[in-house]
Amino acid sequence: MNTHNSHTIELPLPLLSRPGSSWNTVGSPSSIWRALAVIAVCAIAFCVSVHAQTPPSPDCKAIAYLPPMATFGGPNATARGDTELGLALGGYDANAGLPVCFDEVAEYEMMRFRRGVSDRLDFGFDVLFNNQSDNTIGTATQAAVRYLATPGLRLEGSVGVGDGEDGRDPNADVAAVLGTHDQANTWNYYMSLRLAGSHGCLRCGDNTSHSPGALVPLGVIGATARVSGNSQFVMETGLGGTFARQYATPALYIHFSCGIQFKIPREPRRTGATH
């Protein structure tokens, strides 16, 4: 009697649970596609709402440029020698509730680079391109450092400069990030508390028309959805306040961001052949 061995062919589905994989059953294809759909709808709706405003008006910038405010990921640090790259789309309203610049709702694109110094410490920079209300492009660049104090808690800080074509605005921020970062889970969640500040203008001389400096505390909640071993989608939203000496009452600061993040592992060190 001939016997036939039954062979099972396992397809490499990256979004299903597999032994030794960083994915679990929460990350089914349907849940991932639903998450992507939500991200896409939110991003498209925001961009349409911004561009649907009346014809371009003079740029309305009630405060000096802040550093990039996106936390953009949970409480981890890039491992020694590894690289983190990110691309985010988002928007903010820095002056909600103020009688001046009530239409300052802006959208931006942000690029992120981080390099691991140790398994707890990384450094890098963020570059943000801000689409201003007069159809010009403002920029904000920051050098940043992040330190993983304990599992689930990351501290970070940055210094930088922004330029909205009315003088360079120095700025800085500090933040604490709390949350989960379990690579066995497809979904992880985080929150952050951030305090950012900007100075009116650097070396502006007699120019007194530049925007005033401000302090902005911001609370953010967010989630990450892993789509492969080295990439994940990130989405977050936040609410804070804008405090400036020139305005008697603070304004609301509203924040939204979503994008994709990549981890690039370091190349393994090659060793000579042994005989």
C-alpha atoms as a PDB file:
ATOM      1  CA  MET A   1       0.000   0.000   0.000  1.00  0.00           C
ATOM      2  CA  ASN A   2       1.357   3.317  -0.994  1.00  0.00           C
ATOM      3  CA  THR A   3       1.186   6.062   1.563  1.00  0.00           C
ATOM      4  CA  HIS A   4       1.294   9.707   0.735  1.00  0.00           C
ATOM      5  CA  ASN A   5       2.673  12.268   3.122  1.00  0.00           C
ATOM      6  CA  SER A   6       0.537  15.347   3.475  1.00  0.00           C
ATOM      7  CA  HIS A   7       2.517  18.530   3.011  1.00  0.00           C
ATOM      8  CA  THR A   8       1.208  21.845   4.196  1.00  0.00           C
ATOM      9  CA  ILE A   9       2.328  24.953   2.356  1.00  0.00           C
ATOM     10  CA  GLU A  10       2.420  28.011   4.567  1.00  0.00           C
ATOM     11  CA  LEU A  11       2.116  31.302   2.744  1.00  0.00           C
ATOM     12  CA  PRO A  12       4.208  34.173   4.165  1.00  0.00           C
ATOM     13  CA  LEU A  13       1.325  36.397   5.192  1.00  0.00           C
ATOM     14  CA  PRO A  14       2.945  39.284   7.090  1.00  0.00           C
ATOM     15  CA  LEU A  15      -0.217  40.305   8.914  1.00  0.00           C
ATOM     16  CA  LEU A  16      -1.117  36.938  10.442  1.00  0.00           C
ATOM     17  CA  SER A  17       0.200  35.289  13.567  1.00  0.00           C
ATOM     18  CA  ARG A  18       3.235  33.065  12.968  1.00  0.00           C
ATOM     19  CA  PRO A  19       5.690  31.432  15.352  1.00  0.00           C
ATOM     20  CA  GLY A  20       8.654  33.724  15.838  1.00  0.00           C
ATOM     21  CA  SER A  21       6.845  36.634  14.236  1.00  0.00           C
ATOM     22  CA  SER A  22       6.307  40.034  15.798  1.00  0.00           C
ATOM     23  CA  TRP A  23       2.676  39.889  14.673  1.00  0.00           C
ATOM     24  CA  ASN A  24      -0.315  38.612  16.580  1.00  0.00           C
ATOM     25  CA  THR A  25      -3.895  37.894  15.602  1.00  0.00           C
ATOM     26  CA  VAL A  26      -4.934  41.483  16.320  1.00  0.00           C
ATOM     27  CA  GLY A  27      -3.107  42.441  13.154  1.00  0.00           C
ATOM     28  CA  SER A  28      -5.395  40.671  10.721  1.00  0.00           C
ATOM     29  CA  PRO A  29      -5.496  42.045   7.169  1.00  0.00           C
ATOM     30  CA  SER A  30      -8.995  43.427   7.679  1.00  0.00           C
ATOM     31  CA  SER A  31      -8.040  45.382  10.823  1.00  0.00           C
ATOM     32  CA  ILE A  32      -4.920  46.814   9.168  1.00  0.00           C
ATOM     33  CA  TRP A  33      -6.839  47.911   6.093  1.00  0.00           C
ATOM     34  CA  ARG A  34      -9.497  49.509   8.284  1.00  0.00           C
ATOM     35  CA  ALA A  35      -6.773  51.427  10.109  1.00  0.00           C
ATOM     36  CA  LEU A  36      -5.239  52.553   6.820  1.00  0.00           C
ATOM     37  CA  ALA A  37      -8.651  53.648   5.592  1.00  0.00           C
ATOM     38  CA  VAL A  38      -9.210  55.731   8.727  1.00  0.00           C
ATOM     39  CA  ILE A  39      -5.782  57.360   8.329  1.00  0.00           C
ATOM     40  CA  ALA A  40      -6.380  58.100   4.652  1.00  0.00           C
ATOM     41  CA  VAL A  41      -9.852  59.561   5.242  1.00  0.00           C
ATOM     42  CA  CYS A  42      -8.595  61.777   8.079  1.00  0.00           C
ATOM     43  CA  ALA A  43      -5.637  63.035   6.046  1.00  0.00           C
ATOM     44  CA  ILE A  44      -7.737  63.722   2.936  1.00  0.00           C
ATOM     45  CA  ALA A  45     -10.491  65.427   4.926  1.00  0.00           C
ATOM     46  CA  PHE A  46      -7.992  67.666   6.678  1.00  0.00           C
ATOM     47  CA  CYS A  47      -6.223  68.666   3.450  1.00  0.00           C
ATOM     48  CA  VAL A  48      -9.535  69.373   1.713  1.00  0.00           C
ATOM     49  CA  SER A  49     -10.731  71.515   4.629  1.00  0.00           C
ATOM     50  CA  VAL A  50      -7.525  73.560   4.527  1.00  0.00           C
ATOM     51  CA  HIS A  51      -7.515  74.087   0.780  1.00  0.00           C
ATOM     52  CA  ALA A  52     -11.243  74.826   0.706  1.00  0.00           C
ATOM     53  CA  GLN A  53     -10.677  78.118   2.485  1.00  0.00           C
ATOM     54  CA  THR A  54     -11.240  81.377   0.663  1.00  0.00           C
ATOM     55  CA  PRO A  55      -8.516  82.653  -1.711  1.00  0.00           C
ATOM     56  CA  PRO A  56      -5.029  83.094  -0.258  1.00  0.00           C
ATOM     57  CA  SER A  57      -4.885  85.767   2.394  1.00  0.00           C
ATOM     58  CA  PRO A  58      -1.838  87.498   3.887  1.00  0.00           C
ATOM     59  CA  ASP A  59       0.031  85.035   6.072  1.00  0.00           C
ATOM     60  CA  CYS A  60      -1.526  85.041   9.527  1.00  0.00           C
ATOM     61  CA  LYS A  61       1.089  83.990  12.091  1.00  0.00           C
ATOM     62  CA  ALA A  62       0.160  85.127  15.582  1.00  0.00           C
ATOM     63  CA  ILE A  63       3.127  83.446  17.303  1.00  0.00           C
ATOM     64  CA  ALA A  64       6.721  82.673  16.383  1.00  0.00           C
ATOM     65  CA  TYR A  65       7.455  79.318  14.819  1.00  0.00           C
ATOM     66  CA  LEU A  66       7.453  76.393  17.234  1.00  0.00           C
ATOM     67  CA  PRO A  67       9.576  73.263  16.783  1.00  0.00           C
ATOM     68  CA  PRO A  68       7.925  70.236  15.147  1.00  0.00           C
ATOM     69  CA  MET A  69       5.381  69.169  17.772  1.00  0.00           C
ATOM     70  CA  ALA A  70       4.686  65.601  16.661  1.00  0.00           C
ATOM     71  CA  THR A  71       5.648  62.834  19.093  1.00  0.00           C
ATOM     72  CA  PHE A  72       5.287  60.367  16.208  1.00  0.00           C
ATOM     73  CA  GLY A  73       5.726  57.062  17.978  1.00  0.00           C
ATOM     74  CA  GLY A  74       5.717  55.273  21.296  1.00  0.00           C
ATOM     75  CA  PRO A  75       8.294  55.144  24.102  1.00  0.00           C
ATOM     76  CA  ASN A  76      11.269  53.434  22.506  1.00  0.00           C
ATOM     77  CA  ALA A  77      14.760  54.512  21.542  1.00  0.00           C
ATOM     78  CA  THR A  78      16.509  53.506  18.337  1.00  0.00           C
ATOM     79  CA  ALA A  79      18.943  50.703  19.158  1.00  0.00           C
ATOM     80  CA  ARG A  80      22.694  51.242  18.908  1.00  0.00           C
ATOM     81  CA  GLY A  81      23.701  51.599  15.277  1.00  0.00           C
ATOM     82  CA  ASP A  82      20.122  51.376  13.953  1.00  0.00           C
ATOM     83  CA  THR A  83      18.395  54.166  12.029  1.00  0.00           C
ATOM     84  CA  GLU A  84      14.829  55.439  12.237  1.00  0.00           C
ATOM     85  CA  LEU A  85      13.258  57.274   9.311  1.00  0.00           C
ATOM     86  CA  GLY A  86       9.806  58.818   9.341  1.00  0.00           C
ATOM     87  CA  LEU A  87       7.487  60.756   7.067  1.00  0.00           C
ATOM     88  CA  ALA A  88       4.410  62.456   8.525  1.00  0.00           C
ATOM     89  CA  LEU A  89       1.533  64.593   7.300  1.00  0.00           C
ATOM     90  CA  GLY A  90      -0.382  66.701   9.744  1.00  0.00           C
ATOM     91  CA  GLY A  91      -1.854  69.969  10.734  1.00  0.00           C
ATOM     92  CA  TYR A  92      -2.420  72.329  13.621  1.00  0.00           C
ATOM     93  CA  ASP A  93      -4.305  75.373  14.760  1.00  0.00           C
ATOM     94  CA  ALA A  94      -2.080  77.388  17.065  1.00  0.00           C
ATOM     95  CA  ASN A  95      -4.571  80.160  17.783  1.00  0.00           C
ATOM     96  CA  ALA A  96      -7.986  78.571  18.178  1.00  0.00           C
ATOM     97  CA  GLY A  97     -10.191  80.959  20.121  1.00  0.00           C
ATOM     98  CA  LEU A  98      -8.058  84.077  19.627  1.00  0.00           C
ATOM     99  CA  PRO A  99      -9.744  87.020  17.906  1.00  0.00           C
ATOM    100  CA  VAL A 100      -6.594  87.453  15.819  1.00  0.00           C
ATOM    101  CA  CYS A 101      -5.469  84.995  13.148  1.00  0.00           C
ATOM    102  CA  PHE A 102      -8.611  82.951  13.602  1.00  0.00           C
ATOM    103  CA  ASP A 103      -7.945  81.301  10.237  1.00  0.00           C
ATOM    104  CA  GLU A 104      -4.471  80.043  11.041  1.00  0.00           C
ATOM    105  CA  VAL A 105      -5.105  76.372  10.349  1.00  0.00           C
ATOM    106  CA  ALA A 106      -1.977  75.002   8.692  1.00  0.00           C
ATOM    107  CA  GLU A 107      -0.934  71.695   7.200  1.00  0.00           C
ATOM    108  CA  TYR A 108       2.613  70.413   7.181  1.00  0.00           C
ATOM    109  CA  GLU A 109       4.943  67.655   6.045  1.00  0.00           C
ATOM    110  CA  MET A 110       7.614  66.391   8.435  1.00  0.00           C
ATOM    111  CA  MET A 111      10.683  64.228   7.878  1.00  0.00           C
ATOM    112  CA  ARG A 112      12.425  62.506  10.803  1.00  0.00           C
ATOM    113  CA  PHE A 113      15.875  60.946  11.213  1.00  0.00           C
ATOM    114  CA  ARG A 114      17.168  59.214  14.353  1.00  0.00           C
ATOM    115  CA  ARG A 115      20.369  57.245  14.943  1.00  0.00           C
ATOM    116  CA  GLY A 116      20.962  54.997  17.929  1.00  0.00           C
ATOM    117  CA  VAL A 117      23.925  55.902  20.130  1.00  0.00           C
ATOM    118  CA  SER A 118      23.129  53.150  22.656  1.00  0.00           C
ATOM    119  CA  ASP A 119      20.119  50.951  23.267  1.00  0.00           C
ATOM    120  CA  ARG A 120      18.665  53.739  25.441  1.00  0.00           C
ATOM    121  CA  LEU A 121      19.864  56.906  23.698  1.00  0.00           C
ATOM    122  CA  ASP A 122      19.418  58.215  20.178  1.00  0.00           C
ATOM    123  CA  PHE A 123      19.777  61.548  18.429  1.00  0.00           C
ATOM    124  CA  GLY A 124      18.806  63.080  15.112  1.00  0.00           C
ATOM    125  CA  PHE A 125      16.756  65.835  13.554  1.00  0.00           C
ATOM    126  CA  ASP A 126      13.294  66.738  12.265  1.00  0.00           C
ATOM    127  CA  VAL A 127      12.567  68.972   9.281  1.00  0.00           C
ATOM    128  CA  LEU A 128       9.081  70.418   8.875  1.00  0.00           C
ATOM    129  CA  PHE A 129       7.645  72.209   5.838  1.00  0.00           C
ATOM    130  CA  ASN A 130       4.652  74.336   6.745  1.00  0.00           C
ATOM    131  CA  ASN A 131       2.106  75.411   4.122  1.00  0.00           C
ATOM    132  CA  GLN A 132       1.295  78.970   5.183  1.00  0.00           C
ATOM    133  CA  SER A 133      -1.994  80.709   4.520  1.00  0.00           C
ATOM    134  CA  ASP A 134      -0.458  82.995   1.889  1.00  0.00           C
ATOM    135  CA  ASN A 135       0.704  79.944  -0.116  1.00  0.00           C
ATOM    136  CA  THR A 136       4.341  80.350   0.926  1.00  0.00           C
ATOM    137  CA  ILE A 137       6.361  77.635   2.658  1.00  0.00           C
ATOM    138  CA  GLY A 138       7.694  78.038   6.171  1.00  0.00           C
ATOM    139  CA  THR A 139      10.285  75.693   7.647  1.00  0.00           C
ATOM    140  CA  ALA A 140      11.221  74.465  11.101  1.00  0.00           C
ATOM    141  CA  THR A 141      14.303  72.364  11.837  1.00  0.00           C
ATOM    142  CA  GLN A 142      15.304  70.854  15.156  1.00  0.00           C
ATOM    143  CA  ALA A 143      18.120  68.735  16.555  1.00  0.00           C
ATOM    144  CA  ALA A 144      16.660  66.244  19.011  1.00  0.00           C
ATOM    145  CA  VAL A 145      17.777  63.666  21.571  1.00  0.00           C
ATOM    146  CA  ARG A 146      15.694  60.894  23.140  1.00  0.00           C
ATOM    147  CA  TYR A 147      16.460  58.804  26.234  1.00  0.00           C
ATOM    148  CA  LEU A 148      14.627  55.647  27.285  1.00  0.00           C
ATOM    149  CA  ALA A 149      14.495  56.101  31.060  1.00  0.00           C
ATOM    150  CA  THR A 150      12.554  52.889  31.774  1.00  0.00           C
ATOM    151  CA  PRO A 151      10.498  50.500  29.642  1.00  0.00           C
ATOM    152  CA  GLY A 152       7.427  52.522  28.794  1.00  0.00           C
ATOM    153  CA  LEU A 153       8.903  55.952  29.571  1.00  0.00           C
ATOM    154  CA  ARG A 154      10.978  58.059  27.166  1.00  0.00           C
ATOM    155  CA  LEU A 155      12.342  61.551  27.776  1.00  0.00           C
ATOM    156  CA  GLU A 156      13.199  63.835  24.883  1.00  0.00           C
ATOM    157  CA  GLY A 157      14.265  67.357  24.079  1.00  0.00           C
ATOM    158  CA  SER A 158      15.220  69.494  21.118  1.00  0.00           C
ATOM    159  CA  VAL A 159      16.503  72.881  20.023  1.00  0.00           C
ATOM    160  CA  GLY A 160      15.934  74.386  16.613  1.00  0.00           C
ATOM    161  CA  VAL A 161      14.960  77.324  14.478  1.00  0.00           C
ATOM    162  CA  GLY A 162      11.941  78.185  12.363  1.00  0.00           C
ATOM    163  CA  ASP A 163      11.637  80.564   9.436  1.00  0.00           C
ATOM    164  CA  GLY A 164       8.333  81.926   8.161  1.00  0.00           C
ATOM    165  CA  GLU A 165      10.006  84.520   5.915  1.00  0.00           C
ATOM    166  CA  ASP A 166       9.723  87.222   8.603  1.00  0.00           C
ATOM    167  CA  GLY A 167      12.885  86.381  10.520  1.00  0.00           C
ATOM    168  CA  ARG A 168      14.317  83.279  12.137  1.00  0.00           C
ATOM    169  CA  ASP A 169      12.591  82.095  15.315  1.00  0.00           C
ATOM    170  CA  PRO A 170      14.701  80.033  17.755  1.00  0.00           C
ATOM    171  CA  ASN A 171      12.713  77.405  19.624  1.00  0.00           C
ATOM    172  CA  ALA A 172      13.035  74.374  21.907  1.00  0.00           C
ATOM    173  CA  ASP A 173      10.939  71.722  23.611  1.00  0.00           C
ATOM    174  CA  VAL A 174      11.026  68.953  26.224  1.00  0.00           C
ATOM    175  CA  ALA A 175       8.675  65.991  26.508  1.00  0.00           C
ATOM    176  CA  ALA A 176       7.862  62.763  28.332  1.00  0.00           C
ATOM    177  CA  VAL A 177       6.328  59.851  26.408  1.00  0.00           C
ATOM    178  CA  LEU A 178       4.414  57.041  28.144  1.00  0.00           C
ATOM    179  CA  GLY A 179       2.936  53.940  26.586  1.00  0.00           C
ATOM    180  CA  THR A 180       3.479  50.447  25.248  1.00  0.00           C
ATOM    181  CA  HIS A 181       6.116  49.258  22.820  1.00  0.00           C
ATOM    182  CA  ASP A 182       5.710  45.493  22.584  1.00  0.00           C
ATOM    183  CA  GLN A 183       6.904  44.113  19.275  1.00  0.00           C
ATOM    184  CA  ALA A 184       4.719  41.044  19.872  1.00  0.00           C
ATOM    185  CA  ASN A 185       1.688  43.316  19.450  1.00  0.00           C
ATOM    186  CA  THR A 186       0.516  44.789  16.190  1.00  0.00           C
ATOM    187  CA  TRP A 187      -1.123  47.730  17.955  1.00  0.00           C
ATOM    188  CA  ASN A 188       0.623  49.842  20.581  1.00  0.00           C
ATOM    189  CA  TYR A 189      -0.570  53.020  22.251  1.00  0.00           C
ATOM    190  CA  TYR A 190       1.111  56.043  23.762  1.00  0.00           C
ATOM    191  CA  MET A 191       0.599  59.491  25.225  1.00  0.00           C
ATOM    192  CA  SER A 192       2.976  62.398  25.642  1.00  0.00           C
ATOM    193  CA  LEU A 193       3.233  65.637  27.555  1.00  0.00           C
ATOM    194  CA  ARG A 194       5.258  68.322  25.785  1.00  0.00           C
ATOM    195  CA  LEU A 195       6.290  71.879  26.593  1.00  0.00           C
ATOM    196  CA  ALA A 196       7.509  73.930  23.636  1.00  0.00           C
ATOM    197  CA  GLY A 197       8.667  77.524  23.449  1.00  0.00           C
ATOM    198  CA  SER A 198       9.644  79.937  20.728  1.00  0.00           C
ATOM    199  CA  HIS A 199      11.396  83.312  20.730  1.00  0.00           C
ATOM    200  CA  GLY A 200      10.058  86.134  18.595  1.00  0.00           C
ATOM    201  CA  CYS A 201      12.939  86.660  16.208  1.00  0.00           C
ATOM    202  CA  LEU A 202      16.678  86.137  16.085  1.00  0.00           C
ATOM    203  CA  ARG A 203      18.777  89.171  15.033  1.00  0.00           C
ATOM    204  CA  CYS A 204      15.807  91.100  13.712  1.00  0.00           C
ATOM    205  CA  GLY A 205      17.278  94.450  14.666  1.00  0.00           C
ATOM    206  CA  ASP A 206      14.698  97.214  14.513  1.00  0.00           C
ATOM    207  CA  ASN A 207      12.082  94.955  12.940  1.00  0.00           C
ATOM    208  CA  THR A 208       9.239  94.951  15.471  1.00  0.00           C
ATOM    209  CA  SER A 209       6.607  93.442  13.165  1.00  0.00           C
ATOM    210  CA  HIS A 210       7.702  89.862  13.684  1.00  0.00           C
ATOM    211  CA  SER A 211       5.465  87.431  15.551  1.00  0.00           C
ATOM    212  CA  PRO A 212       5.819  87.202  19.349  1.00  0.00           C
ATOM    213  CA  GLY A 213       7.282  84.246  21.191  1.00  0.00           C
ATOM    214  CA  ALA A 214       5.046  81.796  23.011  1.00  0.00           C
ATOM    215  CA  LEU A 215       4.891  78.833  25.369  1.00  0.00           C
ATOM    216  CA  VAL A 216       2.756  75.859  24.314  1.00  0.00           C
ATOM    217  CA  PRO A 217       2.033  72.871  26.577  1.00  0.00           C
ATOM    218  CA  LEU A 218       0.599  69.997  24.531  1.00  0.00           C
ATOM    219  CA  GLY A 219      -0.898  66.621  25.445  1.00  0.00           C
ATOM    220  CA  VAL A 220      -0.951  63.933  22.749  1.00  0.00           C
ATOM    221  CA  ILE A 221      -2.496  60.482  22.458  1.00  0.00           C
ATOM    222  CA  GLY A 222      -1.540  58.154  19.635  1.00  0.00           C
ATOM    223  CA  ALA A 223      -1.325  54.632  18.281  1.00  0.00           C
ATOM    224  CA  THR A 224       1.062  52.657  16.098  1.00  0.00           C
ATOM    225  CA  ALA A 225       0.059  49.805  13.769  1.00  0.00           C
ATOM    226  CA  ARG A 226       2.897  47.536  12.677  1.00  0.00           C
ATOM    227  CA  VAL A 227       2.753  46.443   9.038  1.00  0.00           C
ATOM    228  CA  SER A 228       6.081  44.608   8.795  1.00  0.00           C
ATOM    229  CA  GLY A 229       9.062  43.775  10.937  1.00  0.00           C
ATOM    230  CA  ASN A 230      10.638  47.170  10.275  1.00  0.00           C
ATOM    231  CA  SER A 231       7.782  49.565   9.505  1.00  0.00           C
ATOM    232  CA  GLN A 232       4.665  50.891  11.188  1.00  0.00           C
ATOM    233  CA  PHE A 233       1.928  53.450  10.690  1.00  0.00           C
ATOM    234  CA  VAL A 234       1.624  56.182  13.296  1.00  0.00           C
ATOM    235  CA  MET A 235      -1.390  58.375  14.039  1.00  0.00           C
ATOM    236  CA  GLU A 236      -1.920  60.852  16.853  1.00  0.00           C
ATOM    237  CA  THR A 237      -3.916  63.845  17.948  1.00  0.00           C
ATOM    238  CA  GLY A 238      -3.417  66.375  20.707  1.00  0.00           C
ATOM    239  CA  LEU A 239      -4.749  69.410  22.508  1.00  0.00           C
ATOM    240  CA  GLY A 240      -2.866  72.166  24.297  1.00  0.00           C
ATOM    241  CA  GLY A 241      -2.712  75.879  24.929  1.00  0.00           C
ATOM    242  CA  THR A 242      -0.877  78.845  23.415  1.00  0.00           C
ATOM    243  CA  PHE A 243       0.419  81.421  25.909  1.00  0.00           C
ATOM    244  CA  ALA A 244       1.934  84.697  24.687  1.00  0.00           C
ATOM    245  CA  ARG A 245       2.497  87.973  26.534  1.00  0.00           C
ATOM    246  CA  GLN A 246       0.891  89.969  23.747  1.00  0.00           C
ATOM    247  CA  TYR A 247      -2.491  88.267  24.213  1.00  0.00           C
ATOM    248  CA  ALA A 248      -4.575  88.634  27.347  1.00  0.00           C
ATOM    249  CA  THR A 249      -6.091  85.139  27.098  1.00  0.00           C
ATOM    250  CA  PRO A 250      -4.518  81.853  25.995  1.00  0.00           C
ATOM    251  CA  ALA A 251      -5.632  80.119  22.825  1.00  0.00           C
ATOM    252  CA  LEU A 252      -6.180  76.450  22.126  1.00  0.00           C
ATOM    253  CA  TYR A 253      -3.510  74.511  20.246  1.00  0.00           C
ATOM    254  CA  ILE A 254      -4.964  71.631  18.195  1.00  0.00           C
ATOM    255  CA  HIS A 255      -2.659  68.998  16.710  1.00  0.00           C
ATOM    256  CA  PHE A 256      -3.057  66.084  14.285  1.00  0.00           C
ATOM    257  CA  SER A 257      -0.445  63.899  12.614  1.00  0.00           C
ATOM    258  CA  CYS A 258      -0.193  60.581  10.777  1.00  0.00           C
ATOM    259  CA  GLY A 259       2.496  58.865   8.741  1.00  0.00           C
ATOM    260  CA  ILE A 260       4.848  55.944   8.375  1.00  0.00           C
ATOM    261  CA  GLN A 261       8.003  55.054  10.262  1.00  0.00           C
ATOM    262  CA  PHE A 262      10.854  52.767   9.205  1.00  0.00           C
ATOM    263  CA  LYS A 263      13.554  51.041  11.246  1.00  0.00           C
ATOM    264  CA  ILE A 264      16.774  50.245   9.404  1.00  0.00           C
ATOM    265  CA  PRO A 265      18.939  47.750  11.328  1.00  0.00           C
ATOM    266  CA  ARG A 266      22.683  48.160  11.294  1.00  0.00           C
ATOM    267  CA  GLU A 267      24.650  45.890   9.009  1.00  0.00           C
ATOM    268  CA  PRO A 268      26.043  42.882  10.880  1.00  0.00           C
ATOM    269  CA  ARG A 269      29.779  43.093  11.335  1.00  0.00           C
ATOM    270  CA  ARG A 270      31.563  40.735   8.992  1.00  0.00           C
ATOM    271  CA  THR A 271      34.184  38.423  10.399  1.00  0.00           C
ATOM    272  CA  GLY A 272      36.949  36.659   8.561  1.00  0.00           C
ATOM    273  CA  ALA A 273      36.538  33.060   7.536  1.00  0.00           C
ATOM    274  CA  THR A 274      37.877  30.479   9.937  1.00  0.00           C
ATOM    275  CA  HIS A 275      39.616  27.310   8.861  1.00  0.00           C
END
